[in-house]
Amino acid sequence: MTAMEQPAEDAFHFYAEVRITDSPRRPELAGRLGAILGITEPKDPEVPPAYAVMVDDYDYTVQFERHELTPTGRDRKHEDYY
């Protein structure tokens, strides 16, 4: 699925700004902002997607599950990262 094929109501789309709310694997990132730069496409429909988030002030992405993120309602731009 590409960014253009995602439903408009889905707040978890490419370049959406998100806040990391809770991550047992990365507790030091709780409260930080970032943007979604990747979304997995599991073959099994029962498996939810995971999100690659470029955390502000980091130069790499970190993978999170949906329940670990809260969308801010703002979008960032492709040019902000590439």
PDB file of N, CA and C in Angstrom:
ATOM      1  N   MET A   1       0.851  -1.173   0.000  1.00  0.00           N
ATOM      2  CA  MET A   1       0.000   0.000   0.000  1.00  0.00           C
ATOM      3  C   MET A   1       0.896   1.236   0.000  1.00  0.00           C
ATOM      4  N   THR A   2       0.583   2.173  -0.832  1.00  0.00           N
ATOM      5  CA  THR A   2       1.352   3.409  -0.872  1.00  0.00           C
ATOM      6  C   THR A   2       0.643   4.470  -0.049  1.00  0.00           C
ATOM      7  N   ALA A   3       1.322   5.558   0.182  1.00  0.00           N
ATOM      8  CA  ALA A   3       0.732   6.655   0.957  1.00  0.00           C
ATOM      9  C   ALA A   3      -0.540   7.160   0.283  1.00  0.00           C
ATOM     10  N   MET A   4      -0.585   7.110  -1.026  1.00  0.00           N
ATOM     11  CA  MET A   4      -1.760   7.607  -1.750  1.00  0.00           C
ATOM     12  C   MET A   4      -2.955   6.671  -1.604  1.00  0.00           C
ATOM     13  N   GLU A   5      -2.724   5.384  -1.304  1.00  0.00           N
ATOM     14  CA  GLU A   5      -3.808   4.414  -1.192  1.00  0.00           C
ATOM     15  C   GLU A   5      -4.381   4.317   0.213  1.00  0.00           C
ATOM     16  N   GLN A   6      -3.780   4.977   1.188  1.00  0.00           N
ATOM     17  CA  GLN A   6      -4.240   4.876   2.559  1.00  0.00           C
ATOM     18  C   GLN A   6      -5.540   5.652   2.746  1.00  0.00           C
ATOM     19  N   PRO A   7      -6.422   5.148   3.598  1.00  0.00           N
ATOM     20  CA  PRO A   7      -7.657   5.875   3.869  1.00  0.00           C
ATOM     21  C   PRO A   7      -7.352   7.238   4.477  1.00  0.00           C
ATOM     22  N   ALA A   8      -8.109   8.247   4.078  1.00  0.00           N
ATOM     23  CA  ALA A   8      -7.885   9.608   4.552  1.00  0.00           C
ATOM     24  C   ALA A   8      -8.035   9.714   6.061  1.00  0.00           C
ATOM     25  N   GLU A   9      -8.900   8.900   6.659  1.00  0.00           N
ATOM     26  CA  GLU A   9      -9.144   9.014   8.090  1.00  0.00           C
ATOM     27  C   GLU A   9      -8.055   8.354   8.945  1.00  0.00           C
ATOM     28  N   ASP A  10      -7.142   7.627   8.339  1.00  0.00           N
ATOM     29  CA  ASP A  10      -6.083   6.973   9.096  1.00  0.00           C
ATOM     30  C   ASP A  10      -5.010   8.000   9.453  1.00  0.00           C
ATOM     31  N   ALA A  11      -4.867   8.268  10.746  1.00  0.00           N
ATOM     32  CA  ALA A  11      -3.888   9.257  11.208  1.00  0.00           C
ATOM     33  C   ALA A  11      -2.458   8.727  11.162  1.00  0.00           C
ATOM     34  N   PHE A  12      -2.296   7.419  10.947  1.00  0.00           N
ATOM     35  CA  PHE A  12      -0.977   6.802  10.900  1.00  0.00           C
ATOM     36  C   PHE A  12      -0.563   6.605   9.440  1.00  0.00           C
ATOM     37  N   HIS A  13      -0.141   7.679   8.810  1.00  0.00           N
ATOM     38  CA  HIS A  13       0.261   7.634   7.404  1.00  0.00           C
ATOM     39  C   HIS A  13       1.684   8.178   7.268  1.00  0.00           C
ATOM     40  N   PHE A  14       2.246   8.036   6.081  1.00  0.00           N
ATOM     41  CA  PHE A  14       3.601   8.519   5.843  1.00  0.00           C
ATOM     42  C   PHE A  14       3.704  10.009   6.153  1.00  0.00           C
ATOM     43  N   TYR A  15       4.748  10.367   6.872  1.00  0.00           N
ATOM     44  CA  TYR A  15       5.093  11.727   7.281  1.00  0.00           C
ATOM     45  C   TYR A  15       4.177  12.305   8.355  1.00  0.00           C
ATOM     46  N   ALA A  16       3.274  11.497   8.905  1.00  0.00           N
ATOM     47  CA  ALA A  16       2.453  11.963  10.020  1.00  0.00           C
ATOM     48  C   ALA A  16       3.351  12.160  11.240  1.00  0.00           C
ATOM     49  N   GLU A  17       3.156  13.268  11.921  1.00  0.00           N
ATOM     50  CA  GLU A  17       3.898  13.505  13.160  1.00  0.00           C
ATOM     51  C   GLU A  17       3.239  12.716  14.282  1.00  0.00           C
ATOM     52  N   VAL A  18       4.050  12.033  15.065  1.00  0.00           N
ATOM     53  CA  VAL A  18       3.540  11.228  16.171  1.00  0.00           C
ATOM     54  C   VAL A  18       4.351  11.502  17.433  1.00  0.00           C
ATOM     55  N   ARG A  19       3.716  11.269  18.564  1.00  0.00           N
ATOM     56  CA  ARG A  19       4.400  11.318  19.852  1.00  0.00           C
ATOM     57  C   ARG A  19       4.531   9.886  20.363  1.00  0.00           C
ATOM     58  N   ILE A  20       5.706   9.546  20.816  1.00  0.00           N
ATOM     59  CA  ILE A  20       5.933   8.217  21.392  1.00  0.00           C
ATOM     60  C   ILE A  20       5.367   8.264  22.811  1.00  0.00           C
ATOM     61  N   THR A  21       4.336   7.471  23.052  1.00  0.00           N
ATOM     62  CA  THR A  21       3.670   7.525  24.349  1.00  0.00           C
ATOM     63  C   THR A  21       4.201   6.500  25.322  1.00  0.00           C
ATOM     64  N   ASP A  22       4.549   5.341  24.818  1.00  0.00           N
ATOM     65  CA  ASP A  22       5.030   4.271  25.683  1.00  0.00           C
ATOM     66  C   ASP A  22       5.724   3.238  24.823  1.00  0.00           C
ATOM     67  N   SER A  23       6.924   2.863  25.210  1.00  0.00           N
ATOM     68  CA  SER A  23       7.639   1.823  24.486  1.00  0.00           C
ATOM     69  C   SER A  23       8.498   1.043  25.470  1.00  0.00           C
ATOM     70  N   PRO A  24       8.057  -0.157  25.834  1.00  0.00           N
ATOM     71  CA  PRO A  24       8.853  -0.964  26.762  1.00  0.00           C
ATOM     72  C   PRO A  24      10.277  -1.229  26.260  1.00  0.00           C
ATOM     73  N   ARG A  25      10.438  -1.302  24.950  1.00  0.00           N
ATOM     74  CA  ARG A  25      11.771  -1.564  24.375  1.00  0.00           C
ATOM     75  C   ARG A  25      12.650  -0.323  24.361  1.00  0.00           C
ATOM     76  N   ARG A  26      12.024   0.864  24.302  1.00  0.00           N
ATOM     77  CA  ARG A  26      12.773   2.127  24.225  1.00  0.00           C
ATOM     78  C   ARG A  26      12.157   3.164  25.159  1.00  0.00           C
ATOM     79  N   PRO A  27      12.154   2.918  26.480  1.00  0.00           N
ATOM     80  CA  PRO A  27      11.497   3.835  27.415  1.00  0.00           C
ATOM     81  C   PRO A  27      12.090   5.244  27.419  1.00  0.00           C
ATOM     82  N   GLU A  28      13.338   5.379  27.026  1.00  0.00           N
ATOM     83  CA  GLU A  28      13.976   6.704  27.010  1.00  0.00           C
ATOM     84  C   GLU A  28      13.393   7.622  25.942  1.00  0.00           C
ATOM     85  N   LEU A  29      12.608   7.058  25.010  1.00  0.00           N
ATOM     86  CA  LEU A  29      12.018   7.866  23.942  1.00  0.00           C
ATOM     87  C   LEU A  29      10.591   8.329  24.254  1.00  0.00           C
ATOM     88  N   ALA A  30      10.032   7.905  25.368  1.00  0.00           N
ATOM     89  CA  ALA A  30       8.667   8.306  25.727  1.00  0.00           C
ATOM     90  C   ALA A  30       8.573   9.829  25.781  1.00  0.00           C
ATOM     91  N   GLY A  31       7.539  10.353  25.134  1.00  0.00           N
ATOM     92  CA  GLY A  31       7.314  11.791  25.095  1.00  0.00           C
ATOM     93  C   GLY A  31       7.950  12.492  23.910  1.00  0.00           C
ATOM     94  N   ARG A  32       8.837  11.820  23.197  1.00  0.00           N
ATOM     95  CA  ARG A  32       9.524  12.442  22.054  1.00  0.00           C
ATOM     96  C   ARG A  32       8.612  12.485  20.831  1.00  0.00           C
ATOM     97  N   LEU A  33       8.875  13.436  19.946  1.00  0.00           N
ATOM     98  CA  LEU A  33       8.157  13.554  18.683  1.00  0.00           C
ATOM     99  C   LEU A  33       8.985  12.975  17.554  1.00  0.00           C
ATOM    100  N   GLY A  34       8.292  12.582  16.495  1.00  0.00           N
ATOM    101  CA  GLY A  34       8.948  12.092  15.303  1.00  0.00           C
ATOM    102  C   GLY A  34       7.937  12.009  14.181  1.00  0.00           C
ATOM    103  N   ALA A  35       8.340  11.431  13.066  1.00  0.00           N
ATOM    104  CA  ALA A  35       7.456  11.280  11.908  1.00  0.00           C
ATOM    105  C   ALA A  35       7.554   9.871  11.361  1.00  0.00           C
ATOM    106  N   ILE A  36       6.444   9.368  10.857  1.00  0.00           N
ATOM    107  CA  ILE A  36       6.399   8.033  10.266  1.00  0.00           C
ATOM    108  C   ILE A  36       7.057   8.071   8.889  1.00  0.00           C
ATOM    109  N   LEU A  37       8.122   7.284   8.733  1.00  0.00           N
ATOM    110  CA  LEU A  37       8.798   7.203   7.437  1.00  0.00           C
ATOM    111  C   LEU A  37       8.670   5.838   6.801  1.00  0.00           C
ATOM    112  N   GLY A  38       8.104   4.880   7.512  1.00  0.00           N
ATOM    113  CA  GLY A  38       7.914   3.545   6.965  1.00  0.00           C
ATOM    114  C   GLY A  38       6.770   2.837   7.659  1.00  0.00           C
ATOM    115  N   ILE A  39       6.076   2.002   6.900  1.00  0.00           N
ATOM    116  CA  ILE A  39       4.952   1.227   7.432  1.00  0.00           C
ATOM    117  C   ILE A  39       5.067  -0.184   6.876  1.00  0.00           C
ATOM    118  N   THR A  40       5.076  -1.179   7.772  1.00  0.00           N
ATOM    119  CA  THR A  40       5.165  -2.559   7.305  1.00  0.00           C
ATOM    120  C   THR A  40       3.846  -2.978   6.669  1.00  0.00           C
ATOM    121  N   GLU A  41       3.914  -4.003   5.843  1.00  0.00           N
ATOM    122  CA  GLU A  41       2.735  -4.563   5.185  1.00  0.00           C
ATOM    123  C   GLU A  41       2.701  -6.060   5.450  1.00  0.00           C
ATOM    124  N   PRO A  42       2.267  -6.464   6.645  1.00  0.00           N
ATOM    125  CA  PRO A  42       2.251  -7.893   6.974  1.00  0.00           C
ATOM    126  C   PRO A  42       1.377  -8.695   6.018  1.00  0.00           C
ATOM    127  N   LYS A  43       1.836  -9.885   5.649  1.00  0.00           N
ATOM    128  CA  LYS A  43       1.047 -10.752   4.764  1.00  0.00           C
ATOM    129  C   LYS A  43      -0.182 -11.285   5.479  1.00  0.00           C
ATOM    130  N   ASP A  44      -0.056 -11.516   6.777  1.00  0.00           N
ATOM    131  CA  ASP A  44      -1.164 -12.019   7.584  1.00  0.00           C
ATOM    132  C   ASP A  44      -2.035 -10.834   8.006  1.00  0.00           C
ATOM    133  N   PRO A  45      -3.309 -10.794   7.606  1.00  0.00           N
ATOM    134  CA  PRO A  45      -4.173  -9.668   7.956  1.00  0.00           C
ATOM    135  C   PRO A  45      -4.424  -9.527   9.460  1.00  0.00           C
ATOM    136  N   GLU A  46      -4.124 -10.573  10.206  1.00  0.00           N
ATOM    137  CA  GLU A  46      -4.292 -10.512  11.662  1.00  0.00           C
ATOM    138  C   GLU A  46      -3.126  -9.799  12.354  1.00  0.00           C
ATOM    139  N   VAL A  47      -2.034  -9.607  11.630  1.00  0.00           N
ATOM    140  CA  VAL A  47      -0.856  -8.948  12.190  1.00  0.00           C
ATOM    141  C   VAL A  47      -0.941  -7.454  11.872  1.00  0.00           C
ATOM    142  N   PRO A  48      -0.927  -6.616  12.896  1.00  0.00           N
ATOM    143  CA  PRO A  48      -1.005  -5.176  12.629  1.00  0.00           C
ATOM    144  C   PRO A  48       0.313  -4.647  12.076  1.00  0.00           C
ATOM    145  N   PRO A  49       0.264  -3.557  11.336  1.00  0.00           N
ATOM    146  CA  PRO A  49       1.511  -2.991  10.819  1.00  0.00           C
ATOM    147  C   PRO A  49       2.349  -2.390  11.940  1.00  0.00           C
ATOM    148  N   ALA A  50       3.624  -2.261  11.673  1.00  0.00           N
ATOM    149  CA  ALA A  50       4.542  -1.546  12.559  1.00  0.00           C
ATOM    150  C   ALA A  50       4.986  -0.294  11.809  1.00  0.00           C
ATOM    151  N   TYR A  51       5.521   0.654  12.552  1.00  0.00           N
ATOM    152  CA  TYR A  51       5.851   1.959  11.983  1.00  0.00           C
ATOM    153  C   TYR A  51       7.305   2.310  12.261  1.00  0.00           C
ATOM    154  N   ALA A  52       8.011   2.724  11.212  1.00  0.00           N
ATOM    155  CA  ALA A  52       9.374   3.225  11.351  1.00  0.00           C
ATOM    156  C   ALA A  52       9.281   4.728  11.567  1.00  0.00           C
ATOM    157  N   VAL A  53       9.709   5.175  12.726  1.00  0.00           N
ATOM    158  CA  VAL A  53       9.590   6.589  13.090  1.00  0.00           C
ATOM    159  C   VAL A  53      10.978   7.205  13.172  1.00  0.00           C
ATOM    160  N   MET A  54      11.146   8.323  12.464  1.00  0.00           N
ATOM    161  CA  MET A  54      12.365   9.106  12.595  1.00  0.00           C
ATOM    162  C   MET A  54      12.138  10.035  13.779  1.00  0.00           C
ATOM    163  N   VAL A  55      12.770   9.700  14.884  1.00  0.00           N
ATOM    164  CA  VAL A  55      12.619  10.475  16.106  1.00  0.00           C
ATOM    165  C   VAL A  55      13.416  11.768  15.956  1.00  0.00           C
ATOM    166  N   ASP A  56      12.817  12.891  16.351  1.00  0.00           N
ATOM    167  CA  ASP A  56      13.510  14.171  16.257  1.00  0.00           C
ATOM    168  C   ASP A  56      14.868  14.096  16.947  1.00  0.00           C
ATOM    169  N   ASP A  57      15.872  14.674  16.306  1.00  0.00           N
ATOM    170  CA  ASP A  57      17.251  14.727  16.786  1.00  0.00           C
ATOM    171  C   ASP A  57      17.973  13.378  16.716  1.00  0.00           C
ATOM    172  N   TYR A  58      17.386  12.394  16.051  1.00  0.00           N
ATOM    173  CA  TYR A  58      18.059  11.122  15.791  1.00  0.00           C
ATOM    174  C   TYR A  58      18.308  11.042  14.287  1.00  0.00           C
ATOM    175  N   ASP A  59      19.301  10.273  13.882  1.00  0.00           N
ATOM    176  CA  ASP A  59      19.573  10.139  12.452  1.00  0.00           C
ATOM    177  C   ASP A  59      19.255   8.735  11.946  1.00  0.00           C
ATOM    178  N   TYR A  60      18.355   8.051  12.651  1.00  0.00           N
ATOM    179  CA  TYR A  60      17.902   6.726  12.224  1.00  0.00           C
ATOM    180  C   TYR A  60      16.460   6.528  12.685  1.00  0.00           C
ATOM    181  N   THR A  61      15.788   5.556  12.061  1.00  0.00           N
ATOM    182  CA  THR A  61      14.408   5.272  12.438  1.00  0.00           C
ATOM    183  C   THR A  61      14.362   4.211  13.532  1.00  0.00           C
ATOM    184  N   VAL A  62      13.279   4.249  14.290  1.00  0.00           N
ATOM    185  CA  VAL A  62      13.031   3.267  15.343  1.00  0.00           C
ATOM    186  C   VAL A  62      11.657   2.671  15.075  1.00  0.00           C
ATOM    187  N   GLN A  63      11.534   1.363  15.201  1.00  0.00           N
ATOM    188  CA  GLN A  63      10.257   0.694  14.933  1.00  0.00           C
ATOM    189  C   GLN A  63       9.367   0.706  16.173  1.00  0.00           C
ATOM    190  N   PHE A  64       8.091   1.046  15.947  1.00  0.00           N
ATOM    191  CA  PHE A  64       7.102   1.061  17.012  1.00  0.00           C
ATOM    192  C   PHE A  64       5.826   0.388  16.545  1.00  0.00           C
ATOM    193  N   GLU A  65       5.070  -0.110  17.500  1.00  0.00           N
ATOM    194  CA  GLU A  65       3.730  -0.603  17.216  1.00  0.00           C
ATOM    195  C   GLU A  65       2.752   0.561  17.395  1.00  0.00           C
ATOM    196  N   ARG A  66       1.599   0.416  16.788  1.00  0.00           N
ATOM    197  CA  ARG A  66       0.611   1.493  16.775  1.00  0.00           C
ATOM    198  C   ARG A  66       0.258   1.976  18.189  1.00  0.00           C
ATOM    199  N   HIS A  67       0.099   1.050  19.127  1.00  0.00           N
ATOM    200  CA  HIS A  67      -0.318   1.435  20.475  1.00  0.00           C
ATOM    201  C   HIS A  67       0.761   2.212  21.234  1.00  0.00           C
ATOM    202  N   GLU A  68       1.972   2.263  20.696  1.00  0.00           N
ATOM    203  CA  GLU A  68       3.058   3.009  21.326  1.00  0.00           C
ATOM    204  C   GLU A  68       3.129   4.455  20.847  1.00  0.00           C
ATOM    205  N   LEU A  69       2.261   4.804  19.902  1.00  0.00           N
ATOM    206  CA  LEU A  69       2.309   6.121  19.272  1.00  0.00           C
ATOM    207  C   LEU A  69       0.971   6.843  19.382  1.00  0.00           C
ATOM    208  N   THR A  70       1.034   8.165  19.422  1.00  0.00           N
ATOM    209  CA  THR A  70      -0.170   8.991  19.381  1.00  0.00           C
ATOM    210  C   THR A  70       0.034  10.038  18.291  1.00  0.00           C
ATOM    211  N   PRO A  71      -0.867  10.103  17.306  1.00  0.00           N
ATOM    212  CA  PRO A  71      -0.725  11.110  16.257  1.00  0.00           C
ATOM    213  C   PRO A  71      -0.986  12.511  16.818  1.00  0.00           C
ATOM    214  N   THR A  72      -0.246  13.489  16.330  1.00  0.00           N
ATOM    215  CA  THR A  72      -0.436  14.874  16.772  1.00  0.00           C
ATOM    216  C   THR A  72      -1.464  15.604  15.919  1.00  0.00           C
ATOM    217  N   GLY A  73      -1.790  15.032  14.761  1.00  0.00           N
ATOM    218  CA  GLY A  73      -2.695  15.709  13.829  1.00  0.00           C
ATOM    219  C   GLY A  73      -1.960  16.579  12.825  1.00  0.00           C
ATOM    220  N   ARG A  74      -0.643  16.667  12.959  1.00  0.00           N
ATOM    221  CA  ARG A  74       0.157  17.453  12.018  1.00  0.00           C
ATOM    222  C   ARG A  74       0.919  16.522  11.081  1.00  0.00           C
ATOM    223  N   ASP A  75       1.199  17.012   9.908  1.00  0.00           N
ATOM    224  CA  ASP A  75       1.998  16.268   8.933  1.00  0.00           C
ATOM    225  C   ASP A  75       3.296  16.999   8.679  1.00  0.00           C
ATOM    226  N   ARG A  76       4.310  16.233   8.409  1.00  0.00           N
ATOM    227  CA  ARG A  76       5.586  16.799   7.997  1.00  0.00           C
ATOM    228  C   ARG A  76       5.729  16.587   6.498  1.00  0.00           C
ATOM    229  N   LYS A  77       6.804  17.084   5.928  1.00  0.00           N
ATOM    230  CA  LYS A  77       6.993  17.004   4.479  1.00  0.00           C
ATOM    231  C   LYS A  77       8.108  16.032   4.116  1.00  0.00           C
ATOM    232  N   HIS A  78       7.976  15.474   2.937  1.00  0.00           N
ATOM    233  CA  HIS A  78       9.007  14.607   2.378  1.00  0.00           C
ATOM    234  C   HIS A  78      10.360  15.321   2.414  1.00  0.00           C
ATOM    235  N   GLU A  79      10.374  16.590   2.076  1.00  0.00           N
ATOM    236  CA  GLU A  79      11.613  17.379   2.020  1.00  0.00           C
ATOM    237  C   GLU A  79      12.278  17.520   3.382  1.00  0.00           C
ATOM    238  N   ASP A  80      11.536  17.321   4.443  1.00  0.00           N
ATOM    239  CA  ASP A  80      12.124  17.404   5.788  1.00  0.00           C
ATOM    240  C   ASP A  80      13.122  16.273   6.037  1.00  0.00           C
ATOM    241  N   TYR A  81      13.041  15.211   5.253  1.00  0.00           N
ATOM    242  CA  TYR A  81      13.849  14.016   5.506  1.00  0.00           C
ATOM    243  C   TYR A  81      14.719  13.589   4.336  1.00  0.00           C
ATOM    244  N   TYR A  82      14.331  13.949   3.125  1.00  0.00           N
ATOM    245  CA  TYR A  82      15.079  13.480   1.950  1.00  0.00           C
ATOM    246  C   TYR A  82      15.531  14.630   1.103  1.00  0.00           C
TER     247      TYR A  82
END
